[in-house]
Amino acid sequence: MNQNPGIEAVRTLAYMGYRFTVNGETIKARYEGPGKPDPAQVRPLVDVMKAHKPDVVYFLKSFCPRCGGICFMPGGVDSLCMACDWEQLVGLYPDLQRKH
């Protein structure tokens, strides 16, 4: 399966240390990685994100910056990731643990 280039750019930047927030259609990125980011690596990735902005915005609204997975939104204030926050989610929703 071919992945969306904008989403792949987001994932690459996240692994480099960037953290994203989305407000409406506005994407904000903040670098939290070690050292300084290399503009020669970052700029082309940002350009790809811009070229695929609608898909990137949609993805970032449910993207887990810790693991790159998709977040589960349980209706509370915080987004909880199915991978990173599994124990907490099972505590909130015990039926998640149910085997089929």
PDB file of N, CA and C in Angstrom:
ATOM      1  N   MET A   1       0.844  -1.182   0.000  1.00  0.00           N
ATOM      2  CA  MET A   1       0.000   0.000   0.000  1.00  0.00           C
ATOM      3  C   MET A   1       0.884   1.238   0.000  1.00  0.00           C
ATOM      4  N   ASN A   2       0.590   2.196  -0.859  1.00  0.00           N
ATOM      5  CA  ASN A   2       1.340   3.443  -0.902  1.00  0.00           C
ATOM      6  C   ASN A   2       0.812   4.397   0.160  1.00  0.00           C
ATOM      7  N   GLN A   3       1.721   4.932   0.947  1.00  0.00           N
ATOM      8  CA  GLN A   3       1.353   5.867   2.006  1.00  0.00           C
ATOM      9  C   GLN A   3       1.334   7.282   1.441  1.00  0.00           C
ATOM     10  N   ASN A   4       0.533   8.139   2.034  1.00  0.00           N
ATOM     11  CA  ASN A   4       0.465   9.538   1.645  1.00  0.00           C
ATOM     12  C   ASN A   4       1.798  10.212   1.962  1.00  0.00           C
ATOM     13  N   PRO A   5       2.412  10.906   1.002  1.00  0.00           N
ATOM     14  CA  PRO A   5       3.713  11.545   1.250  1.00  0.00           C
ATOM     15  C   PRO A   5       3.669  12.589   2.364  1.00  0.00           C
ATOM     16  N   GLY A   6       2.556  13.299   2.505  1.00  0.00           N
ATOM     17  CA  GLY A   6       2.436  14.291   3.578  1.00  0.00           C
ATOM     18  C   GLY A   6       2.453  13.654   4.946  1.00  0.00           C
ATOM     19  N   ILE A   7       1.778  12.510   5.074  1.00  0.00           N
ATOM     20  CA  ILE A   7       1.743  11.791   6.342  1.00  0.00           C
ATOM     21  C   ILE A   7       3.117  11.206   6.657  1.00  0.00           C
ATOM     22  N   GLU A   8       3.780  10.689   5.644  1.00  0.00           N
ATOM     23  CA  GLU A   8       5.144  10.179   5.853  1.00  0.00           C
ATOM     24  C   GLU A   8       6.082  11.304   6.290  1.00  0.00           C
ATOM     25  N   ALA A   9       5.902  12.503   5.737  1.00  0.00           N
ATOM     26  CA  ALA A   9       6.724  13.653   6.144  1.00  0.00           C
ATOM     27  C   ALA A   9       6.477  13.997   7.610  1.00  0.00           C
ATOM     28  N   VAL A  10       5.215  13.973   8.037  1.00  0.00           N
ATOM     29  CA  VAL A  10       4.876  14.235   9.443  1.00  0.00           C
ATOM     30  C   VAL A  10       5.558  13.214  10.344  1.00  0.00           C
ATOM     31  N   ARG A  11       5.458  11.952   9.982  1.00  0.00           N
ATOM     32  CA  ARG A  11       6.065  10.905  10.801  1.00  0.00           C
ATOM     33  C   ARG A  11       7.581  11.071  10.883  1.00  0.00           C
ATOM     34  N   THR A  12       8.201  11.394   9.766  1.00  0.00           N
ATOM     35  CA  THR A  12       9.654  11.593   9.759  1.00  0.00           C
ATOM     36  C   THR A  12      10.033  12.759  10.666  1.00  0.00           C
ATOM     37  N   LEU A  13       9.301  13.862  10.553  1.00  0.00           N
ATOM     38  CA  LEU A  13       9.587  15.028  11.401  1.00  0.00           C
ATOM     39  C   LEU A  13       9.342  14.704  12.875  1.00  0.00           C
ATOM     40  N   ALA A  14       8.306  13.930  13.163  1.00  0.00           N
ATOM     41  CA  ALA A  14       8.023  13.545  14.558  1.00  0.00           C
ATOM     42  C   ALA A  14       9.168  12.709  15.115  1.00  0.00           C
ATOM     43  N   TYR A  15       9.683  11.782  14.326  1.00  0.00           N
ATOM     44  CA  TYR A  15      10.808  10.959  14.782  1.00  0.00           C
ATOM     45  C   TYR A  15      12.073  11.788  14.965  1.00  0.00           C
ATOM     46  N   MET A  16      12.167  12.907  14.223  1.00  0.00           N
ATOM     47  CA  MET A  16      13.319  13.808  14.367  1.00  0.00           C
ATOM     48  C   MET A  16      13.208  14.655  15.634  1.00  0.00           C
ATOM     49  N   GLY A  17      11.997  14.772  16.189  1.00  0.00           N
ATOM     50  CA  GLY A  17      11.823  15.538  17.412  1.00  0.00           C
ATOM     51  C   GLY A  17      10.796  16.648  17.336  1.00  0.00           C
ATOM     52  N   TYR A  18      10.096  16.765  16.219  1.00  0.00           N
ATOM     53  CA  TYR A  18       9.066  17.800  16.094  1.00  0.00           C
ATOM     54  C   TYR A  18       7.763  17.322  16.707  1.00  0.00           C
ATOM     55  N   ARG A  19       7.043  18.240  17.339  1.00  0.00           N
ATOM     56  CA  ARG A  19       5.722  17.979  17.890  1.00  0.00           C
ATOM     57  C   ARG A  19       4.749  18.943  17.230  1.00  0.00           C
ATOM     58  N   PHE A  20       3.581  18.441  16.880  1.00  0.00           N
ATOM     59  CA  PHE A  20       2.613  19.213  16.107  1.00  0.00           C
ATOM     60  C   PHE A  20       1.338  19.456  16.889  1.00  0.00           C
ATOM     61  N   THR A  21       0.724  20.597  16.621  1.00  0.00           N
ATOM     62  CA  THR A  21      -0.620  20.889  17.093  1.00  0.00           C
ATOM     63  C   THR A  21      -1.402  21.415  15.903  1.00  0.00           C
ATOM     64  N   VAL A  22      -2.706  21.185  15.940  1.00  0.00           N
ATOM     65  CA  VAL A  22      -3.587  21.651  14.869  1.00  0.00           C
ATOM     66  C   VAL A  22      -4.699  22.455  15.509  1.00  0.00           C
ATOM     67  N   ASN A  23      -4.930  23.627  14.954  1.00  0.00           N
ATOM     68  CA  ASN A  23      -6.030  24.483  15.386  1.00  0.00           C
ATOM     69  C   ASN A  23      -6.788  24.874  14.127  1.00  0.00           C
ATOM     70  N   GLY A  24      -7.930  24.237  13.911  1.00  0.00           N
ATOM     71  CA  GLY A  24      -8.665  24.454  12.665  1.00  0.00           C
ATOM     72  C   GLY A  24      -7.858  23.887  11.510  1.00  0.00           C
ATOM     73  N   GLU A  25      -7.416  24.760  10.619  1.00  0.00           N
ATOM     74  CA  GLU A  25      -6.589  24.346   9.486  1.00  0.00           C
ATOM     75  C   GLU A  25      -5.138  24.786   9.655  1.00  0.00           C
ATOM     76  N   THR A  26      -4.803  25.318  10.820  1.00  0.00           N
ATOM     77  CA  THR A  26      -3.449  25.801  11.077  1.00  0.00           C
ATOM     78  C   THR A  26      -2.629  24.717  11.769  1.00  0.00           C
ATOM     79  N   ILE A  27      -1.473  24.415  11.184  1.00  0.00           N
ATOM     80  CA  ILE A  27      -0.549  23.432  11.756  1.00  0.00           C
ATOM     81  C   ILE A  27       0.611  24.187  12.387  1.00  0.00           C
ATOM     82  N   LYS A  28       0.909  23.874  13.626  1.00  0.00           N
ATOM     83  CA  LYS A  28       2.077  24.451  14.290  1.00  0.00           C
ATOM     84  C   LYS A  28       3.022  23.331  14.665  1.00  0.00           C
ATOM     85  N   ALA A  29       4.300  23.575  14.430  1.00  0.00           N
ATOM     86  CA  ALA A  29       5.329  22.591  14.763  1.00  0.00           C
ATOM     87  C   ALA A  29       6.291  23.208  15.766  1.00  0.00           C
ATOM     88  N   ARG A  30       6.718  22.392  16.726  1.00  0.00           N
ATOM     89  CA  ARG A  30       7.683  22.831  17.737  1.00  0.00           C
ATOM     90  C   ARG A  30       8.755  21.747  17.819  1.00  0.00           C
ATOM     91  N   TYR A  31       9.998  22.157  17.775  1.00  0.00           N
ATOM     92  CA  TYR A  31      11.091  21.186  17.851  1.00  0.00           C
ATOM     93  C   TYR A  31      11.445  20.919  19.301  1.00  0.00           C
ATOM     94  N   GLU A  32      11.435  19.648  19.693  1.00  0.00           N
ATOM     95  CA  GLU A  32      11.775  19.245  21.057  1.00  0.00           C
ATOM     96  C   GLU A  32      12.877  18.191  21.065  1.00  0.00           C
ATOM     97  N   GLY A  33      13.516  18.000  19.929  1.00  0.00           N
ATOM     98  CA  GLY A  33      14.545  16.975  19.828  1.00  0.00           C
ATOM     99  C   GLY A  33      15.884  17.452  20.352  1.00  0.00           C
ATOM    100  N   PRO A  34      16.869  16.571  20.284  1.00  0.00           N
ATOM    101  CA  PRO A  34      18.210  16.923  20.748  1.00  0.00           C
ATOM    102  C   PRO A  34      18.919  17.826  19.733  1.00  0.00           C
ATOM    103  N   GLY A  35      19.739  18.730  20.225  1.00  0.00           N
ATOM    104  CA  GLY A  35      20.523  19.596  19.342  1.00  0.00           C
ATOM    105  C   GLY A  35      19.642  20.506  18.515  1.00  0.00           C
ATOM    106  N   LYS A  36      20.162  20.862  17.343  1.00  0.00           N
ATOM    107  CA  LYS A  36      19.417  21.731  16.430  1.00  0.00           C
ATOM    108  C   LYS A  36      19.017  20.940  15.196  1.00  0.00           C
ATOM    109  N   PRO A  37      17.811  21.197  14.675  1.00  0.00           N
ATOM    110  CA  PRO A  37      17.387  20.484  13.465  1.00  0.00           C
ATOM    111  C   PRO A  37      18.176  20.976  12.250  1.00  0.00           C
ATOM    112  N   ASP A  38      18.357  20.098  11.279  1.00  0.00           N
ATOM    113  CA  ASP A  38      19.060  20.434  10.048  1.00  0.00           C
ATOM    114  C   ASP A  38      18.062  20.983   9.029  1.00  0.00           C
ATOM    115  N   PRO A  39      18.142  22.291   8.714  1.00  0.00           N
ATOM    116  CA  PRO A  39      17.188  22.884   7.772  1.00  0.00           C
ATOM    117  C   PRO A  39      17.175  22.188   6.410  1.00  0.00           C
ATOM    118  N   ALA A  40      18.298  21.638   5.984  1.00  0.00           N
ATOM    119  CA  ALA A  40      18.358  20.948   4.694  1.00  0.00           C
ATOM    120  C   ALA A  40      17.510  19.675   4.700  1.00  0.00           C
ATOM    121  N   GLN A  41      17.313  19.073   5.853  1.00  0.00           N
ATOM    122  CA  GLN A  41      16.446  17.899   5.973  1.00  0.00           C
ATOM    123  C   GLN A  41      14.996  18.297   6.222  1.00  0.00           C
ATOM    124  N   VAL A  42      14.811  19.355   7.004  1.00  0.00           N
ATOM    125  CA  VAL A  42      13.474  19.745   7.449  1.00  0.00           C
ATOM    126  C   VAL A  42      12.675  20.425   6.344  1.00  0.00           C
ATOM    127  N   ARG A  43      13.266  21.363   5.629  1.00  0.00           N
ATOM    128  CA  ARG A  43      12.538  22.170   4.639  1.00  0.00           C
ATOM    129  C   ARG A  43      11.818  21.320   3.593  1.00  0.00           C
ATOM    130  N   PRO A  44      12.464  20.312   2.984  1.00  0.00           N
ATOM    131  CA  PRO A  44      11.733  19.507   1.991  1.00  0.00           C
ATOM    132  C   PRO A  44      10.544  18.756   2.596  1.00  0.00           C
ATOM    133  N   LEU A  45      10.682  18.315   3.840  1.00  0.00           N
ATOM    134  CA  LEU A  45       9.579  17.618   4.500  1.00  0.00           C
ATOM    135  C   LEU A  45       8.411  18.556   4.776  1.00  0.00           C
ATOM    136  N   VAL A  46       8.723  19.783   5.183  1.00  0.00           N
ATOM    137  CA  VAL A  46       7.668  20.781   5.412  1.00  0.00           C
ATOM    138  C   VAL A  46       6.968  21.109   4.093  1.00  0.00           C
ATOM    139  N   ASP A  47       7.739  21.202   3.017  1.00  0.00           N
ATOM    140  CA  ASP A  47       7.141  21.476   1.703  1.00  0.00           C
ATOM    141  C   ASP A  47       6.189  20.357   1.277  1.00  0.00           C
ATOM    142  N   VAL A  48       6.555  19.106   1.554  1.00  0.00           N
ATOM    143  CA  VAL A  48       5.674  17.975   1.234  1.00  0.00           C
ATOM    144  C   VAL A  48       4.413  18.051   2.080  1.00  0.00           C
ATOM    145  N   MET A  49       4.558  18.412   3.366  1.00  0.00           N
ATOM    146  CA  MET A  49       3.381  18.569   4.226  1.00  0.00           C
ATOM    147  C   MET A  49       2.434  19.623   3.656  1.00  0.00           C
ATOM    148  N   LYS A  50       2.985  20.744   3.228  1.00  0.00           N
ATOM    149  CA  LYS A  50       2.157  21.820   2.669  1.00  0.00           C
ATOM    150  C   LYS A  50       1.440  21.371   1.403  1.00  0.00           C
ATOM    151  N   ALA A  51       2.123  20.581   0.578  1.00  0.00           N
ATOM    152  CA  ALA A  51       1.533  20.112  -0.676  1.00  0.00           C
ATOM    153  C   ALA A  51       0.367  19.148  -0.431  1.00  0.00           C
ATOM    154  N   HIS A  52       0.332  18.528   0.731  1.00  0.00           N
ATOM    155  CA  HIS A  52      -0.718  17.563   1.085  1.00  0.00           C
ATOM    156  C   HIS A  52      -1.455  18.007   2.347  1.00  0.00           C
ATOM    157  N   LYS A  53      -1.625  19.309   2.499  1.00  0.00           N
ATOM    158  CA  LYS A  53      -2.140  19.876   3.749  1.00  0.00           C
ATOM    159  C   LYS A  53      -3.481  19.292   4.211  1.00  0.00           C
ATOM    160  N   PRO A  54      -4.496  19.147   3.356  1.00  0.00           N
ATOM    161  CA  PRO A  54      -5.766  18.598   3.873  1.00  0.00           C
ATOM    162  C   PRO A  54      -5.603  17.216   4.517  1.00  0.00           C
ATOM    163  N   ASP A  55      -4.820  16.358   3.884  1.00  0.00           N
ATOM    164  CA  ASP A  55      -4.586  15.032   4.451  1.00  0.00           C
ATOM    165  C   ASP A  55      -3.768  15.111   5.733  1.00  0.00           C
ATOM    166  N   VAL A  56      -2.796  16.014   5.762  1.00  0.00           N
ATOM    167  CA  VAL A  56      -1.936  16.169   6.935  1.00  0.00           C
ATOM    168  C   VAL A  56      -2.746  16.681   8.122  1.00  0.00           C
ATOM    169  N   VAL A  57      -3.599  17.675   7.895  1.00  0.00           N
ATOM    170  CA  VAL A  57      -4.439  18.209   8.977  1.00  0.00           C
ATOM    171  C   VAL A  57      -5.342  17.108   9.525  1.00  0.00           C
ATOM    172  N   TYR A  58      -5.972  16.359   8.642  1.00  0.00           N
ATOM    173  CA  TYR A  58      -6.854  15.276   9.078  1.00  0.00           C
ATOM    174  C   TYR A  58      -6.074  14.250   9.900  1.00  0.00           C
ATOM    175  N   PHE A  59      -4.893  13.881   9.433  1.00  0.00           N
ATOM    176  CA  PHE A  59      -4.055  12.915  10.142  1.00  0.00           C
ATOM    177  C   PHE A  59      -3.614  13.443  11.503  1.00  0.00           C
ATOM    178  N   LEU A  60      -3.153  14.688  11.552  1.00  0.00           N
ATOM    179  CA  LEU A  60      -2.632  15.248  12.799  1.00  0.00           C
ATOM    180  C   LEU A  60      -3.699  15.393  13.877  1.00  0.00           C
ATOM    181  N   LYS A  61      -4.932  15.458  13.482  1.00  0.00           N
ATOM    182  CA  LYS A  61      -6.003  15.565  14.475  1.00  0.00           C
ATOM    183  C   LYS A  61      -6.144  14.277  15.281  1.00  0.00           C
ATOM    184  N   SER A  62      -5.547  13.176  14.792  1.00  0.00           N
ATOM    185  CA  SER A  62      -5.639  11.914  15.520  1.00  0.00           C
ATOM    186  C   SER A  62      -4.294  11.200  15.635  1.00  0.00           C
ATOM    187  N   PHE A  63      -3.207  11.905  15.458  1.00  0.00           N
ATOM    188  CA  PHE A  63      -1.857  11.342  15.458  1.00  0.00           C
ATOM    189  C   PHE A  63      -1.268  11.362  16.860  1.00  0.00           C
ATOM    190  N   CYS A  64      -0.654  10.265  17.266  1.00  0.00           N
ATOM    191  CA  CYS A  64       0.040  10.219  18.554  1.00  0.00           C
ATOM    192  C   CYS A  64       1.500  10.605  18.324  1.00  0.00           C
ATOM    193  N   PRO A  65       1.949  11.713  18.869  1.00  0.00           N
ATOM    194  CA  PRO A  65       3.332  12.132  18.653  1.00  0.00           C
ATOM    195  C   PRO A  65       4.353  11.251  19.358  1.00  0.00           C
ATOM    196  N   ARG A  66       3.887  10.438  20.325  1.00  0.00           N
ATOM    197  CA  ARG A  66       4.819   9.568  21.049  1.00  0.00           C
ATOM    198  C   ARG A  66       5.192   8.330  20.242  1.00  0.00           C
ATOM    199  N   CYS A  67       4.212   7.713  19.571  1.00  0.00           N
ATOM    200  CA  CYS A  67       4.511   6.455  18.881  1.00  0.00           C
ATOM    201  C   CYS A  67       4.187   6.477  17.396  1.00  0.00           C
ATOM    202  N   GLY A  68       3.515   7.521  16.922  1.00  0.00           N
ATOM    203  CA  GLY A  68       3.160   7.590  15.511  1.00  0.00           C
ATOM    204  C   GLY A  68       1.865   6.881  15.167  1.00  0.00           C
ATOM    205  N   GLY A  69       1.189   6.358  16.177  1.00  0.00           N
ATOM    206  CA  GLY A  69      -0.073   5.666  15.952  1.00  0.00           C
ATOM    207  C   GLY A  69      -1.242   6.634  15.901  1.00  0.00           C
ATOM    208  N   ILE A  70      -2.419   6.086  15.816  1.00  0.00           N
ATOM    209  CA  ILE A  70      -3.630   6.890  15.766  1.00  0.00           C
ATOM    210  C   ILE A  70      -4.270   6.881  17.150  1.00  0.00           C
ATOM    211  N   CYS A  71      -4.653   8.048  17.610  1.00  0.00           N
ATOM    212  CA  CYS A  71      -5.220   8.195  18.961  1.00  0.00           C
ATOM    213  C   CYS A  71      -6.671   7.746  19.010  1.00  0.00           C
ATOM    214  N   PHE A  72      -7.060   7.277  20.170  1.00  0.00           N
ATOM    215  CA  PHE A  72      -8.439   6.953  20.486  1.00  0.00           C
ATOM    216  C   PHE A  72      -8.960   8.102  21.313  1.00  0.00           C
ATOM    217  N   MET A  73     -10.031   8.731  20.902  1.00  0.00           N
ATOM    218  CA  MET A  73     -10.570   9.891  21.592  1.00  0.00           C
ATOM    219  C   MET A  73     -11.779   9.469  22.432  1.00  0.00           C
ATOM    220  N   PRO A  74     -11.591   9.252  23.746  1.00  0.00           N
ATOM    221  CA  PRO A  74     -12.686   8.699  24.554  1.00  0.00           C
ATOM    222  C   PRO A  74     -13.746   9.702  24.979  1.00  0.00           C
ATOM    223  N   GLY A  75     -13.752  10.911  24.459  1.00  0.00           N
ATOM    224  CA  GLY A  75     -14.779  11.860  24.823  1.00  0.00           C
ATOM    225  C   GLY A  75     -14.383  12.771  25.969  1.00  0.00           C
ATOM    226  N   GLY A  76     -13.248  12.527  26.584  1.00  0.00           N
ATOM    227  CA  GLY A  76     -12.748  13.399  27.634  1.00  0.00           C
ATOM    228  C   GLY A  76     -11.941  14.530  27.030  1.00  0.00           C
ATOM    229  N   VAL A  77     -11.213  15.230  27.859  1.00  0.00           N
ATOM    230  CA  VAL A  77     -10.410  16.357  27.405  1.00  0.00           C
ATOM    231  C   VAL A  77      -9.157  15.879  26.682  1.00  0.00           C
ATOM    232  N   ASP A  78      -8.559  14.796  27.156  1.00  0.00           N
ATOM    233  CA  ASP A  78      -7.304  14.310  26.595  1.00  0.00           C
ATOM    234  C   ASP A  78      -7.532  13.209  25.572  1.00  0.00           C
ATOM    235  N   SER A  79      -6.657  13.176  24.561  1.00  0.00           N
ATOM    236  CA  SER A  79      -6.638  12.072  23.614  1.00  0.00           C
ATOM    237  C   SER A  79      -5.791  10.967  24.214  1.00  0.00           C
ATOM    238  N   LEU A  80      -6.248   9.753  24.087  1.00  0.00           N
ATOM    239  CA  LEU A  80      -5.489   8.621  24.592  1.00  0.00           C
ATOM    240  C   LEU A  80      -5.157   7.707  23.416  1.00  0.00           C
ATOM    241  N   CYS A  81      -3.911   7.293  23.346  1.00  0.00           N
ATOM    242  CA  CYS A  81      -3.426   6.452  22.257  1.00  0.00           C
ATOM    243  C   CYS A  81      -3.636   4.994  22.613  1.00  0.00           C
ATOM    244  N   MET A  82      -4.101   4.220  21.653  1.00  0.00           N
ATOM    245  CA  MET A  82      -4.340   2.791  21.888  1.00  0.00           C
ATOM    246  C   MET A  82      -3.051   2.059  22.241  1.00  0.00           C
ATOM    247  N   ALA A  83      -1.913   2.521  21.741  1.00  0.00           N
ATOM    248  CA  ALA A  83      -0.640   1.859  22.045  1.00  0.00           C
ATOM    249  C   ALA A  83      -0.027   2.391  23.335  1.00  0.00           C
ATOM    250  N   CYS A  84       0.090   3.686  23.454  1.00  0.00           N
ATOM    251  CA  CYS A  84       0.799   4.288  24.597  1.00  0.00           C
ATOM    252  C   CYS A  84      -0.002   4.262  25.889  1.00  0.00           C
ATOM    253  N   ASP A  85      -1.325   4.373  25.800  1.00  0.00           N
ATOM    254  CA  ASP A  85      -2.169   4.523  26.981  1.00  0.00           C
ATOM    255  C   ASP A  85      -3.105   3.332  27.184  1.00  0.00           C
ATOM    256  N   TRP A  86      -2.690   2.153  26.721  1.00  0.00           N
ATOM    257  CA  TRP A  86      -3.557   0.975  26.765  1.00  0.00           C
ATOM    258  C   TRP A  86      -4.085   0.673  28.165  1.00  0.00           C
ATOM    259  N   GLU A  87      -3.205   0.656  29.153  1.00  0.00           N
ATOM    260  CA  GLU A  87      -3.631   0.323  30.519  1.00  0.00           C
ATOM    261  C   GLU A  87      -4.677   1.312  31.027  1.00  0.00           C
ATOM    262  N   GLN A  88      -4.471   2.575  30.757  1.00  0.00           N
ATOM    263  CA  GLN A  88      -5.441   3.586  31.187  1.00  0.00           C
ATOM    264  C   GLN A  88      -6.773   3.403  30.448  1.00  0.00           C
ATOM    265  N   LEU A  89      -6.710   3.104  29.156  1.00  0.00           N
ATOM    266  CA  LEU A  89      -7.934   2.889  28.386  1.00  0.00           C
ATOM    267  C   LEU A  89      -8.707   1.674  28.883  1.00  0.00           C
ATOM    268  N   VAL A  90      -7.992   0.600  29.195  1.00  0.00           N
ATOM    269  CA  VAL A  90      -8.654  -0.602  29.725  1.00  0.00           C
ATOM    270  C   VAL A  90      -9.310  -0.282  31.059  1.00  0.00           C
ATOM    271  N   GLY A  91      -8.674   0.566  31.858  1.00  0.00           N
ATOM    272  CA  GLY A  91      -9.281   0.988  33.111  1.00  0.00           C
ATOM    273  C   GLY A  91     -10.574   1.764  32.885  1.00  0.00           C
ATOM    274  N   LEU A  92     -10.584   2.596  31.852  1.00  0.00           N
ATOM    275  CA  LEU A  92     -11.779   3.380  31.537  1.00  0.00           C
ATOM    276  C   LEU A  92     -12.845   2.552  30.829  1.00  0.00           C
ATOM    277  N   TYR A  93     -12.378   1.648  29.958  1.00  0.00           N
ATOM    278  CA  TYR A  93     -13.282   0.843  29.127  1.00  0.00           C
ATOM    279  C   TYR A  93     -12.881  -0.630  29.242  1.00  0.00           C
ATOM    280  N   PRO A  94     -13.312  -1.307  30.307  1.00  0.00           N
ATOM    281  CA  PRO A  94     -12.893  -2.697  30.545  1.00  0.00           C
ATOM    282  C   PRO A  94     -13.216  -3.647  29.385  1.00  0.00           C
ATOM    283  N   ASP A  95     -14.242  -3.364  28.608  1.00  0.00           N
ATOM    284  CA  ASP A  95     -14.598  -4.240  27.493  1.00  0.00           C
ATOM    285  C   ASP A  95     -13.531  -4.269  26.402  1.00  0.00           C
ATOM    286  N   LEU A  96     -12.596  -3.333  26.417  1.00  0.00           N
ATOM    287  CA  LEU A  96     -11.501  -3.377  25.441  1.00  0.00           C
ATOM    288  C   LEU A  96     -10.674  -4.632  25.606  1.00  0.00           C
ATOM    289  N   GLN A  97     -10.624  -5.161  26.802  1.00  0.00           N
ATOM    290  CA  GLN A  97      -9.824  -6.335  27.102  1.00  0.00           C
ATOM    291  C   GLN A  97     -10.517  -7.635  26.717  1.00  0.00           C
ATOM    292  N   ARG A  98     -11.758  -7.546  26.414  1.00  0.00           N
ATOM    293  CA  ARG A  98     -12.559  -8.725  26.101  1.00  0.00           C
ATOM    294  C   ARG A  98     -12.044  -9.429  24.850  1.00  0.00           C
ATOM    295  N   LYS A  99     -11.895 -10.722  24.931  1.00  0.00           N
ATOM    296  CA  LYS A  99     -11.451 -11.527  23.785  1.00  0.00           C
ATOM    297  C   LYS A  99     -12.661 -11.993  23.003  1.00  0.00           C
ATOM    298  N   HIS A 100     -12.530 -11.965  21.697  1.00  0.00           N
ATOM    299  CA  HIS A 100     -13.645 -12.369  20.825  1.00  0.00           C
ATOM    300  C   HIS A 100     -13.401 -13.737  20.278  1.00  0.00           C
TER     301      HIS A 100
END
